[in-house]
């Protein structure tokens, strides 16, 4: 069936998801909007995102569009794939250009939390669109590096929402022979897993930069998912979610993959580089840096023990030597594993 679907954000993941949609909906129009109009022009000219996804050819049914009102007009689904710190502005742009009669599904594929409000990306959409849109909001997340998905490497993710029909529709629209979408009702847990695993991934990169071993990283990942689950439990998420794709699955891929930007940041810190220097050298965004501040604030406000997050925060923002942070983690008061 021919439909119009819109992706907001033409970075590596936004472009990749546009490709997934175009592969599975060949008769449909896949609109791609971004604030960087030069990049859109280049994508249109070369049928390739040479900045963020070089070498991946895009189908002809992907239409880069500079005018956001045209991009979203009559669209059945609007997918936000932007840096978390720009999410609210982008949602407002869509909302202000919106046809009130249209009621598209609104999906976030953004992995982060908003500084200042501690809100999840779905909550930002709800803020700006109002309670009438609640049933239309969904989350897409899981272990899914753009560098692999864009080249048809088999990948499984999860879609979470409150409306069964909308979730099933999203599954059908996105699922391809190389991209499998599972369903969930736990938007809170899916978004927390997606965001907080980036903090643990920075820690994993620090271990790599210091040249530490498999034992150390296995301990970090195991205790890291416990830390994520602890926050999720305090906020009311389903504990089972953190055993799934958006929990342990996303954590594993982010902590071990060469494609992980957050692991890359940590690795370079472990090698002795300064955070500001590392971030300036990167083309893409490391969501984990900003998320560390938000999660640390949440942990303090909820009186939660999140020792890995605490040490990552101290290394990033208080210049604590990484080896000192590791020693402090290893010499904490002994306890039962389930605690």
Protein backbone atom coordinates (compact mmCIF):
# COMPACT_ATOMS: atom_id res chain seq x y z
CA UNK A 1 0.00 0.00 0.00
CA UNK A 2 1.32 3.44 -0.92
CA UNK A 3 1.75 5.73 2.08
CA UNK A 4 3.83 8.74 3.06
CA UNK A 5 6.32 8.30 5.91
CA UNK A 6 8.59 11.03 7.29
CA UNK A 7 11.98 10.83 9.00
CA UNK A 8 13.11 13.91 10.95
CA UNK A 9 16.90 13.84 11.08
CA UNK A 10 19.36 12.87 8.34
CA UNK A 11 22.28 11.66 10.42
CA UNK A 12 23.55 8.09 10.11
CA UNK A 13 20.65 6.49 12.02
CA UNK A 14 17.95 8.67 10.48
CA UNK A 15 19.24 7.95 6.99
CA UNK A 16 19.47 4.24 7.81
CA UNK A 17 15.88 4.09 9.06
CA UNK A 18 14.74 5.94 5.94
CA UNK A 19 16.47 3.21 3.94
CA UNK A 20 14.78 0.47 6.01
CA UNK A 21 11.40 2.09 5.37
CA UNK A 22 12.11 2.49 1.66
CA UNK A 23 13.25 -1.14 1.32
CA UNK A 24 10.04 -2.41 2.94
CA UNK A 25 7.63 0.10 1.39
CA UNK A 26 8.83 0.44 -2.18
CA UNK A 27 5.62 2.08 -3.44
CA UNK A 28 5.61 4.68 -0.66
CA UNK A 29 7.15 8.12 -0.31
CA UNK A 30 9.82 8.28 2.38
CA UNK A 31 10.44 11.94 3.23
CA UNK A 32 13.73 12.90 4.88
CA UNK A 33 14.07 16.29 6.60
CA UNK A 34 17.03 17.80 8.42
CA UNK A 35 18.07 21.23 9.63
CA UNK A 36 21.27 20.82 7.57
CA UNK A 37 19.92 21.71 4.13
CA UNK A 38 23.34 21.28 2.47
CA UNK A 39 23.39 17.67 3.52
CA UNK A 40 19.88 17.17 2.13
CA UNK A 41 20.96 18.66 -1.20
CA UNK A 42 23.94 16.30 -1.33
CA UNK A 43 21.80 13.28 -0.47
CA UNK A 44 19.40 14.22 -3.26
CA UNK A 45 22.23 14.74 -5.74
CA UNK A 46 24.32 11.65 -4.96
CA UNK A 47 21.62 9.34 -3.53
CA UNK A 48 24.03 8.82 -0.65
CA UNK A 49 24.70 10.47 2.71
CA UNK A 50 28.38 11.13 2.15
CA UNK A 51 28.86 12.80 5.55
CA UNK A 52 27.30 10.25 7.88
CA UNK A 53 26.80 7.08 5.83
CA UNK A 54 29.27 7.00 2.94
CA UNK A 55 29.02 4.15 0.48
CA UNK A 56 25.37 3.30 1.17
CA UNK A 57 23.17 3.96 -1.85
CA UNK A 58 19.63 5.14 -1.18
CA UNK A 59 16.48 4.12 -3.04
CA UNK A 60 14.70 6.53 -5.34
CA UNK A 61 11.61 6.60 -3.12
CA UNK A 62 13.55 8.52 -0.44
CA UNK A 63 12.91 12.24 -0.92
CA UNK A 64 15.14 14.73 0.93
CA UNK A 65 12.96 17.78 1.68
CA UNK A 66 14.12 21.16 3.05
CA UNK A 67 10.63 22.43 3.89
CA UNK A 68 9.42 20.67 7.03
CA UNK A 69 5.75 21.49 6.33
CA UNK A 70 6.00 19.68 2.99
CA UNK A 71 7.90 16.80 4.56
CA UNK A 72 5.19 16.08 7.12
CA UNK A 73 2.05 16.99 5.14
CA UNK A 74 -0.33 13.99 4.98
CA UNK A 75 2.33 11.75 6.48
CA UNK A 76 1.02 8.64 8.24
CA UNK A 77 4.08 8.30 10.44
CA UNK A 78 6.66 10.81 11.68
CA UNK A 79 9.90 9.39 13.03
CA UNK A 80 12.25 11.57 15.12
CA UNK A 81 15.93 10.63 14.80
CA UNK A 82 17.82 13.67 16.09
CA UNK A 83 20.30 14.42 18.92
CA UNK A 84 18.47 14.46 22.25
CA UNK A 85 19.46 18.06 23.01
CA UNK A 86 17.68 19.19 19.81
CA UNK A 87 14.63 16.96 20.25
CA UNK A 88 12.29 19.53 21.78
CA UNK A 89 13.10 22.14 19.12
CA UNK A 90 12.52 19.60 16.35
CA UNK A 91 9.24 18.43 17.86
CA UNK A 92 8.12 22.06 18.11
CA UNK A 93 9.00 22.62 14.44
CA UNK A 94 6.87 19.65 13.46
CA UNK A 95 4.04 20.65 15.79
CA UNK A 96 3.93 24.24 14.50
CA UNK A 97 3.79 23.02 10.88
CA UNK A 98 1.21 20.41 11.68
CA UNK A 99 -2.19 19.87 10.09
CA UNK A 100 -4.49 19.53 13.09
CA UNK A 101 -6.75 17.16 11.18
CA UNK A 102 -3.90 14.71 10.60
CA UNK A 103 -3.16 12.14 13.28
CA UNK A 104 0.05 10.37 12.32
CA UNK A 105 1.91 7.94 14.55
CA UNK A 106 4.74 9.80 16.28
CA UNK A 107 7.85 7.71 16.91
CA UNK A 108 11.09 8.52 18.68
CA UNK A 109 14.29 6.62 17.87
CA UNK A 110 16.36 9.02 20.00
CA UNK A 111 18.43 7.53 22.83
CA UNK A 112 18.80 10.13 25.53
CA UNK A 113 17.24 12.19 28.33
CA UNK A 114 16.57 15.92 28.32
CA UNK A 115 18.87 18.00 30.50
CA UNK A 116 17.01 20.29 32.86
CA UNK A 117 13.77 18.31 32.86
CA UNK A 118 15.08 14.70 33.03
CA UNK A 119 12.34 13.83 30.52
CA UNK A 120 12.37 10.98 28.08
CA UNK A 121 11.96 11.70 24.38
CA UNK A 122 8.39 10.35 24.29
CA UNK A 123 7.51 12.72 27.13
CA UNK A 124 8.83 15.65 25.09
CA UNK A 125 6.51 14.66 22.22
CA UNK A 126 3.63 14.39 24.67
CA UNK A 127 4.47 17.83 26.12
CA UNK A 128 4.40 19.51 22.73
CA UNK A 129 1.52 17.65 21.08
CA UNK A 130 -0.70 17.34 24.13
CA UNK A 131 -2.54 14.46 25.76
CA UNK A 132 -4.64 13.79 22.65
CA UNK A 133 -1.52 12.37 20.99
CA UNK A 134 -0.72 9.90 23.78
CA UNK A 135 -2.01 6.80 21.96
CA UNK A 136 -0.08 7.80 18.84
CA UNK A 137 3.37 7.96 20.48
CA UNK A 138 5.82 5.07 20.25
CA UNK A 139 9.50 4.30 20.82
CA UNK A 140 11.92 2.39 18.60
CA UNK A 141 15.12 1.09 20.19
CA UNK A 142 17.57 -1.79 20.48
CA UNK A 143 21.07 -2.95 19.48
CA UNK A 144 21.28 -1.36 16.05
CA UNK A 145 24.36 0.41 14.74
CA UNK A 146 23.59 2.32 11.54
CA UNK A 147 26.84 1.13 9.97
CA UNK A 148 25.50 -2.44 10.02
CA UNK A 149 21.75 -2.00 9.50
CA UNK A 150 22.36 0.20 6.45
CA UNK A 151 24.26 -2.72 4.89
CA UNK A 152 21.44 -5.19 5.61
CA UNK A 153 23.17 -6.93 8.53
CA UNK A 154 20.43 -8.89 10.39
CA UNK A 155 19.24 -6.82 13.35
CA UNK A 156 16.43 -7.06 15.93
CA UNK A 157 14.95 -4.12 17.81
CA UNK A 158 11.86 -3.37 19.89
CA UNK A 159 8.93 -1.00 19.40
CA UNK A 160 7.12 0.16 22.53
CA UNK A 161 3.85 2.04 22.77
CA UNK A 162 0.47 2.07 24.48
CA UNK A 163 -1.77 1.22 21.51
CA UNK A 164 -1.67 -2.37 20.23
CA UNK A 165 -2.85 -1.53 16.72
CA UNK A 166 -0.24 1.20 16.30
CA UNK A 167 2.55 -1.04 17.58
CA UNK A 168 1.57 -3.78 15.15
CA UNK A 169 1.41 -1.28 12.31
CA UNK A 170 4.92 -0.05 13.13
CA UNK A 171 6.14 -3.65 13.17
CA UNK A 172 4.71 -4.26 9.69
CA UNK A 173 6.05 -1.01 8.24
CA UNK A 174 9.60 -1.47 9.54
CA UNK A 175 10.16 -5.24 9.47
CA UNK A 176 12.29 -6.58 6.61
CA UNK A 177 14.27 -9.82 6.12
CA UNK A 178 17.22 -8.04 7.78
CA UNK A 179 15.35 -5.88 10.33
CA UNK A 180 13.06 -7.61 12.81
CA UNK A 181 10.84 -5.58 15.18
CA UNK A 182 9.52 -6.98 18.46
CA UNK A 183 6.72 -5.34 20.46
CA UNK A 184 6.46 -3.99 23.99
CA UNK A 185 4.13 -1.86 26.09
CA UNK A 186 6.94 -0.63 28.38
CA UNK A 187 7.95 2.70 26.84
CA UNK A 188 9.54 3.81 30.11
CA UNK A 189 11.83 0.80 30.37
CA UNK A 190 12.76 0.83 26.69
CA UNK A 191 13.74 4.50 26.80
CA UNK A 192 15.66 4.21 30.06
CA UNK A 193 17.64 1.24 28.78
CA UNK A 194 18.44 3.09 25.57
CA UNK A 195 19.65 6.19 27.39
CA UNK A 196 21.51 4.85 30.43
CA UNK A 197 23.45 2.16 28.56
CA UNK A 198 25.40 5.01 26.92
CA UNK A 199 26.81 5.93 30.34
CA UNK A 200 27.98 2.34 30.89
CA UNK A 201 29.42 2.30 27.36
CA UNK A 202 31.68 5.24 28.21
CA UNK A 203 32.94 3.22 31.17
CA UNK A 204 33.52 0.24 28.86
CA UNK A 205 35.56 2.42 26.53
CA UNK A 206 37.66 3.64 29.44
CA UNK A 207 38.52 0.02 30.22
CA UNK A 208 39.56 -0.50 26.59
CA UNK A 209 41.67 2.63 26.62
CA UNK A 210 43.46 1.45 29.75
CA UNK A 211 44.12 -1.93 28.15
CA UNK A 212 42.16 -3.92 30.72
CA UNK A 213 40.73 -7.34 29.97
CA UNK A 214 37.63 -9.36 29.22
CA UNK A 215 37.05 -10.13 32.90
CA UNK A 216 36.83 -6.44 33.71
CA UNK A 217 34.42 -5.60 30.92
CA UNK A 218 32.19 -8.60 31.68
CA UNK A 219 31.93 -7.40 35.28
CA UNK A 220 31.15 -3.88 34.11
CA UNK A 221 28.39 -4.96 31.71
CA UNK A 222 26.81 -7.26 34.31
CA UNK A 223 26.85 -4.67 37.07
CA UNK A 224 25.89 -2.00 34.54
CA UNK A 225 22.61 -3.68 33.62
CA UNK A 226 21.92 -4.04 37.35
CA UNK A 227 22.40 -0.30 37.72
CA UNK A 228 20.07 0.45 34.80
CA UNK A 229 17.47 -1.92 36.25
CA UNK A 230 17.75 -0.24 39.65
CA UNK A 231 16.86 3.12 38.12
CA UNK A 232 14.08 1.54 36.08
CA UNK A 233 12.57 -0.11 39.14
CA UNK A 234 12.58 3.18 41.02
CA UNK A 235 10.74 4.91 38.17
CA UNK A 236 8.22 2.13 37.58
CA UNK A 237 9.54 0.26 34.54
CA UNK A 238 8.97 -3.45 33.92
CA UNK A 239 12.12 -5.28 35.18
CA UNK A 240 11.82 -7.81 32.34
CA UNK A 241 12.46 -5.05 29.78
CA UNK A 242 16.09 -4.78 30.86
CA UNK A 243 16.67 -8.44 29.98
CA UNK A 244 15.55 -7.69 26.44
CA UNK A 245 16.81 -5.99 23.31
CA UNK A 246 16.60 -2.42 24.61
CA UNK A 247 18.29 -3.45 27.87
CA UNK A 248 21.07 -6.01 27.90
CA UNK A 249 21.02 -6.28 24.08
CA UNK A 250 21.71 -2.60 23.48
CA UNK A 251 24.18 -2.51 26.37
CA UNK A 252 26.25 -5.36 24.95
CA UNK A 253 26.50 -3.92 21.46
CA UNK A 254 27.33 -0.44 22.74
CA UNK A 255 30.01 -1.64 25.14
CA UNK A 256 31.78 -3.92 22.67
CA UNK A 257 31.31 -2.44 19.20
CA UNK A 258 33.88 -0.48 17.22
CA UNK A 259 30.94 1.58 15.91
CA UNK A 260 29.91 2.85 19.37
CA UNK A 261 30.53 6.58 19.72
CA UNK A 262 30.13 6.42 23.49
CA UNK A 263 32.65 3.60 23.82
CA UNK A 264 34.96 5.65 21.57
CA UNK A 265 34.77 8.62 23.95
CA UNK A 266 35.61 6.42 26.91
CA UNK A 267 38.45 4.70 25.09
CA UNK A 268 40.12 8.00 24.34
CA UNK A 269 39.67 9.17 27.93
CA UNK A 270 41.33 5.94 29.03
CA UNK A 271 44.24 6.79 26.72
CA UNK A 272 44.66 10.13 28.46
CA UNK A 273 42.84 12.55 26.17
CA UNK A 274 40.61 15.35 27.48
CA UNK A 275 36.84 15.21 26.99
CA UNK A 276 36.64 18.55 25.18
CA UNK A 277 39.36 17.48 22.76
CA UNK A 278 37.60 14.18 22.02
CA UNK A 279 34.18 15.75 21.40
CA UNK A 280 35.66 18.38 19.06
CA UNK A 281 37.21 15.63 16.94
CA UNK A 282 33.88 13.81 16.43
CA UNK A 283 31.49 14.34 13.53
CA UNK A 284 28.64 12.60 15.35
CA UNK A 285 27.14 13.04 18.82
CA UNK A 286 28.06 11.04 21.93
CA UNK A 287 24.74 10.99 23.79
CA UNK A 288 26.30 9.39 26.85
CA UNK A 289 28.16 12.51 27.95
CA UNK A 290 25.01 14.59 28.42
CA UNK A 291 23.07 11.58 29.69
CA UNK A 292 25.62 11.01 32.44
CA UNK A 293 24.75 14.39 33.94
CA UNK A 294 21.01 13.68 33.79
CA UNK A 295 21.27 10.17 35.23
CA UNK A 296 23.54 11.35 38.03
CA UNK A 297 20.94 13.97 38.95
CA UNK A 298 18.16 11.36 38.86
CA UNK A 299 20.14 8.98 41.07
CA UNK A 300 20.74 11.70 43.64
CA UNK A 301 17.12 12.85 43.65
CA UNK A 302 15.89 9.28 44.09
CA UNK A 303 18.61 8.42 46.62
CA UNK A 304 19.76 5.53 44.43
CA UNK A 305 23.15 3.87 44.52
CA UNK A 306 24.57 3.99 40.96
CA UNK A 307 28.32 3.65 41.51
CA UNK A 308 29.35 3.17 37.86
CA UNK A 309 27.42 6.25 36.78
CA UNK A 310 28.92 8.18 39.69
CA UNK A 311 32.49 7.28 38.69
CA UNK A 312 31.87 8.04 35.01
CA UNK A 313 30.53 11.44 36.07
CA UNK A 314 33.60 12.11 38.20
CA UNK A 315 35.97 11.11 35.39
CA UNK A 316 34.14 13.21 32.79
CA UNK A 317 33.43 16.32 34.80
CA UNK A 318 35.68 16.30 37.89
CA UNK A 319 38.88 15.08 36.21
CA UNK A 320 39.14 11.99 38.39
CA UNK A 321 41.87 9.66 37.04
CA UNK A 322 40.22 6.58 35.49
CA UNK A 323 42.41 4.13 37.40
CA UNK A 324 41.47 5.80 40.67
CA UNK A 325 37.77 5.48 39.76
CA UNK A 326 38.20 1.77 39.02
CA UNK A 327 40.04 1.16 42.28
CA UNK A 328 37.27 2.93 44.19
CA UNK A 329 34.65 0.73 42.51
CA UNK A 330 36.60 -2.42 43.27
CA UNK A 331 37.16 -1.58 46.94
CA UNK A 332 33.61 -0.55 47.83
CA UNK A 333 31.89 -2.24 50.76
CA UNK A 334 31.32 -5.92 49.98
CA UNK A 335 27.72 -7.03 49.46
CA UNK A 336 25.44 -9.72 48.04
CA UNK A 337 25.21 -9.78 44.25
CA UNK A 338 21.44 -9.27 44.21
CA UNK A 339 21.77 -5.96 46.04
